[in-house]
Amino acid sequence: MGLNGSLRDFGISAILQLISGQRRTGRLEVKSDQGEYHILISEGKIVQIEKKPAARGESLSDYLVRAGAVPLNQARLAEQKSKSELKPLEAVLAGLELISALDLKTYIFTRNMDLINQLFLLKEGEYEFEAEPVNYHPSYVVEIDTEQVLMDGYRIKDEWARLLKEIGPMEGVFRKRGGEFGTEDRLKDDQARIYQWVDGRKTIAEIASLTMLTRFEAMKILADLKRIGRIEPEMVVEEKGAAGKSISGLVYQSAFWVLIALLLGLSANGIRIYLSGPEKASITGPARTWQEERIRQGLEIYRLEQGSYPQTLSELSRKGILPESDLKFGQKRQYYYEEGGYQISGPRP
């Protein structure tokens, strides 16, 4: 099965859902202004992902050095050996016994998840999936369940702009905030795991690597710690982009306009919103939840395969696109098929 097109017409969530639902094996390539992503998929599970060119701090060596798992000089030696002997870096690291097999797999998984999470933030780009046998070394691979990736992806799309506004870019630094804290202020386990590394020197990226968490998970916890008054910014990092504007400034402006758009959408409750594409589709009433987004993606997959939208949502389950448990709405919202499209809204009289 070959599949290709624009991310503007068919998002990464729908692509992964289609591939995983049919347990496909092959290579998915995504090209965007952020770089080229090469993803190997085996029976619907992601087994490898690479990005070219990798941005600063995104290589496996960067993750290992940032966490203190492998010294910088040994990481560079392993990279040189990998290139000269044409061996995967993972195999060289294991052969030199620079890191245990379990820790190596953990860092590979964390890095791969960070790269996958980047895909959900892409709005522009081209994709191509080609069904074909894929080769990978099982000793250095952690299979990633696509269903979990999709659930995380919906949350990332919903929360990423807010997190950037709250705590800033990955180069940001936080310090512990002084004060008196009683037993009722005791931190949760995941919060304590992050809090112990906050020292006014380590960046967010370093803390994420040290705790073996994805950047998204680390940012969420840091945002929680900031909200409850346990940490505060040590400094604000503003990197200059090519146009001379600070990256953080652009992020804040983007978050502002996203918020304005959301408020306008909520104030227009009951007004039909038409989605782009060859068919009519609309969702009215309260803003879409991640579950409604998942159903919308399932509807687009159904249309791609069958040529039209289903008469009822239960057809998504019968075709194996979504389980029956995912087809329920909250707030008394229902699916209505219309000629050439559909509508999701409150009950009709």
Protein backbone atom coordinates (compact mmCIF):
# COMPACT_ATOMS: atom_id res chain seq x y z
CA MET A 1 0.00 0.00 0.00
CA GLY A 2 1.35 3.38 -1.00
CA LEU A 3 0.10 6.50 0.75
CA ASN A 4 1.25 10.05 0.10
CA GLY A 5 0.02 13.61 0.29
CA SER A 6 0.09 16.83 2.29
CA LEU A 7 -0.09 17.11 6.07
CA ARG A 8 -2.48 20.00 5.57
CA ASP A 9 -5.03 17.57 4.06
CA PHE A 10 -4.25 14.46 6.09
CA GLY A 11 -2.59 14.95 9.47
CA ILE A 12 0.01 12.72 11.09
CA SER A 13 -2.60 11.39 13.56
CA ALA A 14 -4.76 10.04 10.74
CA ILE A 15 -1.73 8.59 8.95
CA LEU A 16 -0.52 6.68 12.01
CA GLN A 17 -4.04 5.56 12.86
CA LEU A 18 -4.52 4.13 9.39
CA ILE A 19 -1.16 2.33 9.41
CA SER A 20 -1.56 0.92 12.93
CA GLY A 21 -5.20 -0.09 12.45
CA GLN A 22 -4.21 -2.29 9.51
CA ARG A 23 -0.97 -3.45 11.20
CA ARG A 24 1.09 -2.33 8.21
CA THR A 25 4.84 -2.74 7.81
CA GLY A 26 6.90 -0.23 5.87
CA ARG A 27 8.67 3.10 5.79
CA LEU A 28 7.02 6.46 6.51
CA GLU A 29 8.83 9.62 5.43
CA VAL A 30 7.72 13.11 6.44
CA LYS A 31 9.34 16.20 4.91
CA SER A 32 8.84 19.61 6.51
CA ASP A 33 10.70 22.85 7.15
CA GLN A 34 11.79 21.29 10.46
CA GLY A 35 13.65 18.50 8.67
CA GLU A 36 13.02 15.07 7.21
CA TYR A 37 11.70 12.30 9.45
CA HIS A 38 12.29 8.67 8.51
CA ILE A 39 10.13 6.21 10.47
CA LEU A 40 10.26 2.41 10.29
CA ILE A 41 7.02 0.63 11.20
CA SER A 42 6.64 -3.09 11.82
CA GLU A 43 3.13 -4.56 12.07
CA GLY A 44 1.72 -1.18 13.07
CA LYS A 45 4.38 -0.42 15.70
CA ILE A 46 7.09 2.22 15.41
CA VAL A 47 10.51 0.60 15.72
CA GLN A 48 12.85 3.36 14.56
CA ILE A 49 12.80 7.09 13.80
CA GLU A 50 15.53 9.39 12.55
CA LYS A 51 15.55 13.09 11.70
CA LYS A 52 17.85 14.76 9.16
CA PRO A 53 19.35 17.13 9.82
CA ALA A 54 19.11 16.62 13.57
CA ALA A 55 18.80 19.85 15.51
CA ARG A 56 21.19 20.67 18.33
CA GLY A 57 20.65 18.32 21.25
CA GLU A 58 18.54 15.78 19.34
CA SER A 59 21.09 13.02 18.65
CA LEU A 60 21.30 9.91 20.82
CA SER A 61 24.79 10.98 21.93
CA ASP A 62 23.39 14.33 23.08
CA TYR A 63 20.82 12.56 25.24
CA LEU A 64 23.42 10.28 26.82
CA VAL A 65 25.91 13.09 27.51
CA ARG A 66 23.24 15.44 28.85
CA ALA A 67 22.13 12.79 31.34
CA GLY A 68 25.69 11.97 32.39
CA ALA A 69 25.19 8.39 31.20
CA VAL A 70 28.23 8.53 28.89
CA PRO A 71 31.14 11.03 29.14
CA LEU A 72 31.44 13.46 26.23
CA ASN A 73 34.85 12.18 25.06
CA GLN A 74 33.65 8.57 25.02
CA ALA A 75 30.46 9.52 23.18
CA ARG A 76 32.52 11.26 20.48
CA LEU A 77 34.82 8.23 20.25
CA ALA A 78 31.80 5.96 19.79
CA GLU A 79 30.46 8.23 17.04
CA GLN A 80 33.76 8.10 15.16
CA LYS A 81 33.94 4.33 15.54
CA SER A 82 30.35 4.04 14.28
CA LYS A 83 31.19 5.99 11.12
CA SER A 84 34.50 4.28 10.41
CA GLU A 85 33.16 0.75 10.95
CA LEU A 86 29.73 1.43 9.40
CA LYS A 87 27.99 0.17 12.50
CA PRO A 88 24.95 1.58 14.28
CA LEU A 89 25.94 3.84 17.16
CA GLU A 90 23.84 1.70 19.49
CA ALA A 91 25.88 -1.38 18.60
CA VAL A 92 29.15 0.47 19.21
CA LEU A 93 28.01 1.78 22.60
CA ALA A 94 26.95 -1.71 23.66
CA GLY A 95 30.15 -3.27 22.31
CA LEU A 96 32.33 -0.83 24.25
CA GLU A 97 30.19 -1.45 27.35
CA LEU A 98 29.81 2.30 27.88
CA ILE A 99 26.23 1.87 29.08
CA SER A 100 24.01 -1.01 30.19
CA ALA A 101 21.60 -2.49 27.66
CA LEU A 102 18.58 -1.50 29.78
CA ASP A 103 19.64 2.13 30.15
CA LEU A 104 20.53 2.34 26.47
CA LYS A 105 17.05 1.15 25.49
CA THR A 106 15.47 3.64 27.88
CA TYR A 107 17.31 6.58 26.29
CA ILE A 108 16.56 5.31 22.79
CA PHE A 109 12.87 5.15 23.69
CA THR A 110 12.86 8.64 25.24
CA ARG A 111 14.63 10.19 22.26
CA ASN A 112 12.35 8.43 19.77
CA MET A 113 9.27 9.64 21.65
CA ASP A 114 10.56 13.22 21.58
CA LEU A 115 11.01 13.00 17.80
CA ILE A 116 7.59 11.42 17.33
CA ASN A 117 6.01 14.15 19.45
CA GLN A 118 7.51 16.75 17.09
CA LEU A 119 5.46 15.25 14.26
CA PHE A 120 2.18 16.17 15.95
CA LEU A 121 3.18 19.84 15.95
CA LEU A 122 3.79 19.95 12.19
CA LYS A 123 1.15 21.84 10.24
CA GLU A 124 2.88 21.89 6.87
CA GLY A 125 4.77 19.18 5.04
CA GLU A 126 4.56 16.18 2.76
CA TYR A 127 4.34 12.51 3.72
CA GLU A 128 4.81 9.21 1.94
CA PHE A 129 4.30 5.69 3.26
CA GLU A 130 5.54 2.69 1.31
CA ALA A 131 4.65 -0.83 2.44
CA GLU A 132 7.82 -2.90 2.36
CA PRO A 133 9.90 -5.16 4.62
CA VAL A 134 11.97 -3.22 7.16
CA ASN A 135 15.31 -4.17 8.67
CA TYR A 136 16.30 -3.26 12.22
CA HIS A 137 18.32 -4.74 15.05
CA PRO A 138 15.90 -6.03 17.74
CA SER A 139 18.55 -5.72 20.43
CA TYR A 140 18.57 -1.94 20.13
CA VAL A 141 14.90 -1.29 19.42
CA VAL A 142 11.98 -0.50 21.68
CA GLU A 143 8.69 -1.09 19.91
CA ILE A 144 6.37 1.87 20.44
CA ASP A 145 2.65 1.20 20.45
CA THR A 146 0.97 3.54 18.01
CA GLU A 147 -2.25 3.75 20.06
CA GLN A 148 -0.38 5.28 22.98
CA VAL A 149 1.48 7.59 20.63
CA LEU A 150 -1.84 8.86 19.26
CA MET A 151 -3.26 9.54 22.71
CA ASP A 152 -0.14 11.48 23.67
CA GLY A 153 -0.21 13.29 20.34
CA TYR A 154 -3.69 14.71 20.91
CA ARG A 155 -2.60 16.04 24.32
CA ILE A 156 0.56 17.57 22.87
CA LYS A 157 -1.40 19.47 20.23
CA ASP A 158 -3.74 20.77 22.94
CA GLU A 159 -1.11 21.70 25.54
CA TRP A 160 2.19 22.51 23.82
CA ALA A 161 1.57 26.22 23.18
CA ARG A 162 0.37 26.71 26.75
CA LEU A 163 3.43 24.94 28.19
CA LEU A 164 5.81 27.05 26.11
CA LYS A 165 4.09 30.18 27.35
CA GLU A 166 4.29 29.04 30.98
CA ILE A 167 7.89 27.80 31.18
CA GLY A 168 9.59 28.85 27.95
CA PRO A 169 11.96 26.92 25.62
CA MET A 170 14.03 23.84 26.48
CA GLU A 171 17.09 26.01 27.23
CA GLY A 172 15.26 27.67 30.13
CA VAL A 173 16.60 27.30 33.68
CA PHE A 174 14.63 27.15 36.95
CA ARG A 175 15.58 27.37 40.62
CA LYS A 176 13.85 26.15 43.76
CA ARG A 177 11.71 28.78 45.40
CA GLY A 178 12.24 29.41 49.10
CA GLY A 179 9.43 29.10 51.61
CA GLU A 180 7.93 26.98 54.34
CA PHE A 181 6.17 23.83 53.16
CA GLY A 182 4.16 21.53 55.39
CA THR A 183 3.23 17.88 54.99
CA GLU A 184 0.19 18.88 52.95
CA ASP A 185 2.61 20.37 50.42
CA ARG A 186 4.43 17.08 49.90
CA LEU A 187 5.22 16.54 46.24
CA LYS A 188 3.93 13.66 44.19
CA ASP A 189 6.46 11.06 43.09
CA ASP A 190 6.79 12.40 39.55
CA GLN A 191 7.08 15.98 40.85
CA ALA A 192 9.78 14.99 43.36
CA ARG A 193 11.65 13.18 40.59
CA ILE A 194 11.92 16.43 38.63
CA TYR A 195 12.26 18.76 41.64
CA GLN A 196 15.47 17.15 42.91
CA TRP A 197 17.31 18.22 39.73
CA VAL A 198 16.15 21.85 39.76
CA ASP A 199 19.23 23.79 40.89
CA GLY A 200 19.36 27.08 38.98
CA ARG A 201 21.90 25.67 36.49
CA LYS A 202 20.40 22.73 34.63
CA THR A 203 18.25 23.42 31.60
CA ILE A 204 14.83 21.88 31.02
CA ALA A 205 16.37 19.59 28.39
CA GLU A 206 19.02 18.40 30.85
CA ILE A 207 16.44 17.70 33.55
CA ALA A 208 14.32 15.72 31.09
CA SER A 209 17.32 13.57 30.14
CA LEU A 210 18.43 13.07 33.74
CA THR A 211 14.98 11.82 34.73
CA MET A 212 14.58 9.71 31.55
CA LEU A 213 11.34 11.52 30.73
CA THR A 214 10.22 12.92 27.41
CA ARG A 215 10.48 16.67 27.02
CA PHE A 216 6.69 16.96 27.01
CA GLU A 217 6.38 15.03 30.29
CA ALA A 218 9.14 17.10 31.92
CA MET A 219 7.58 20.37 30.78
CA LYS A 220 4.18 19.39 32.18
CA ILE A 221 5.65 18.57 35.59
CA LEU A 222 7.76 21.74 35.69
CA ALA A 223 4.66 23.76 34.84
CA ASP A 224 2.85 22.09 37.76
CA LEU A 225 5.74 22.89 40.13
CA LYS A 226 5.71 26.50 38.99
CA ARG A 227 1.95 26.79 39.53
CA ILE A 228 2.17 25.54 43.11
CA GLY A 229 5.04 27.93 43.87
CA ARG A 230 7.88 25.43 44.29
CA ILE A 231 10.10 26.70 41.46
CA GLU A 232 10.69 29.96 39.61
CA PRO A 233 12.65 30.97 36.49
CA GLU A 234 16.36 31.58 36.96
CA MET A 235 16.66 33.32 33.59
CA VAL A 236 14.73 33.83 30.39
CA VAL A 237 16.34 32.46 27.26
CA GLU A 238 15.63 34.27 24.00
CA GLU A 239 17.33 32.77 20.96
CA LYS A 240 17.53 34.92 17.85
CA GLY A 241 15.98 33.51 14.72
CA ALA A 242 17.08 34.19 11.17
CA ALA A 243 14.82 37.22 10.94
CA GLY A 244 16.26 38.74 14.12
CA LYS A 245 13.20 38.09 16.29
CA SER A 246 13.53 36.08 19.46
CA ILE A 247 12.16 32.55 19.27
CA SER A 248 10.45 32.84 22.63
CA GLY A 249 8.78 36.05 21.52
CA LEU A 250 7.40 34.31 18.46
CA VAL A 251 6.12 31.47 20.61
CA TYR A 252 4.33 33.88 22.95
CA GLN A 253 2.74 35.70 20.01
CA SER A 254 1.60 32.40 18.53
CA ALA A 255 0.13 31.29 21.85
CA PHE A 256 -1.72 34.62 22.11
CA TRP A 257 -3.37 34.22 18.73
CA VAL A 258 -4.21 30.58 19.42
CA LEU A 259 -5.99 31.72 22.59
CA ILE A 260 -7.88 34.43 20.70
CA ALA A 261 -8.98 31.92 18.06
CA LEU A 262 -10.16 29.52 20.75
CA LEU A 263 -12.19 32.22 22.51
CA LEU A 264 -13.78 33.26 19.23
CA GLY A 265 -14.65 29.64 18.52
CA LEU A 266 -16.30 29.24 21.91
CA SER A 267 -18.22 32.50 21.58
CA ALA A 268 -19.59 31.27 18.27
CA ASN A 269 -21.28 28.32 19.97
CA GLY A 270 -23.82 26.76 17.65
CA ILE A 271 -22.35 28.27 14.47
CA ARG A 272 -21.32 25.65 11.93
CA ILE A 273 -17.59 25.43 11.26
CA TYR A 274 -16.61 23.88 7.91
CA LEU A 275 -13.39 21.94 7.71
CA SER A 276 -11.23 22.02 4.60
CA GLY A 277 -11.25 19.01 2.31
CA PRO A 278 -13.28 17.46 -0.45
CA GLU A 279 -16.28 16.78 1.81
CA LYS A 280 -18.33 18.89 4.20
CA ALA A 281 -17.68 18.28 7.88
CA SER A 282 -18.63 20.34 10.88
CA ILE A 283 -18.50 20.29 14.65
CA THR A 284 -20.71 22.67 16.57
CA GLY A 285 -21.09 23.44 20.23
CA PRO A 286 -18.23 23.24 22.79
CA ALA A 287 -14.64 23.00 21.63
CA ARG A 288 -13.53 19.54 20.46
CA THR A 289 -11.99 17.17 22.99
CA TRP A 290 -9.12 14.89 22.10
CA GLN A 291 -11.67 12.04 21.82
CA GLU A 292 -13.71 13.98 19.27
CA GLU A 293 -10.48 14.74 17.40
CA ARG A 294 -9.74 11.00 17.34
CA ILE A 295 -13.22 10.26 15.96
CA ARG A 296 -12.79 12.99 13.33
CA GLN A 297 -9.53 11.37 12.21
CA GLY A 298 -11.30 8.00 12.07
CA LEU A 299 -14.01 9.51 9.87
CA GLU A 300 -11.39 10.86 7.47
CA ILE A 301 -9.74 7.43 7.28
CA TYR A 302 -13.15 5.85 6.55
CA ARG A 303 -13.76 8.42 3.79
CA LEU A 304 -10.30 7.75 2.32
CA GLU A 305 -10.99 4.00 2.19
CA GLN A 306 -14.73 3.96 1.32
CA GLY A 307 -15.17 7.16 -0.67
CA SER A 308 -17.73 8.74 1.69
CA TYR A 309 -18.44 9.26 5.37
CA PRO A 310 -20.33 6.51 7.29
CA GLN A 311 -24.05 6.62 8.01
CA THR A 312 -23.35 5.85 11.68
CA LEU A 313 -20.23 5.86 13.88
CA SER A 314 -20.62 2.14 14.53
CA GLU A 315 -19.34 1.54 11.00
CA LEU A 316 -15.91 2.77 12.17
CA SER A 317 -15.85 -0.10 14.65
CA ARG A 318 -17.06 -2.67 12.11
CA LYS A 319 -14.27 -1.63 9.73
CA GLY A 320 -11.68 -1.95 12.50
CA ILE A 321 -10.75 1.75 12.42
CA LEU A 322 -11.71 2.54 16.04
CA PRO A 323 -12.86 0.36 18.96
CA GLU A 324 -16.47 0.71 20.08
CA SER A 325 -15.35 2.28 23.39
CA ASP A 326 -13.91 5.27 21.49
CA LEU A 327 -17.18 6.15 19.79
CA LYS A 328 -18.95 7.77 22.74
CA PHE A 329 -19.32 11.53 23.17
CA GLY A 330 -19.74 13.55 26.31
CA GLN A 331 -22.04 16.51 26.85
CA LYS A 332 -24.91 14.85 24.90
CA ARG A 333 -23.22 15.36 21.53
CA GLN A 334 -24.11 13.14 18.58
CA TYR A 335 -22.96 12.30 15.07
CA TYR A 336 -25.25 13.11 12.14
CA TYR A 337 -24.53 11.98 8.58
CA GLU A 338 -25.37 14.52 5.90
CA GLU A 339 -25.13 14.19 2.14
CA GLY A 340 -21.48 14.74 1.29
CA GLY A 341 -20.46 15.28 4.92
CA TYR A 342 -21.37 15.03 8.59
CA GLN A 343 -22.07 17.13 11.67
CA ILE A 344 -21.27 16.60 15.34
CA SER A 345 -23.52 18.64 17.61
CA GLY A 346 -26.12 18.47 20.34
CA PRO A 347 -29.27 16.33 19.93
CA ARG A 348 -31.63 17.46 17.21
CA PRO A 349 -35.33 18.01 17.92
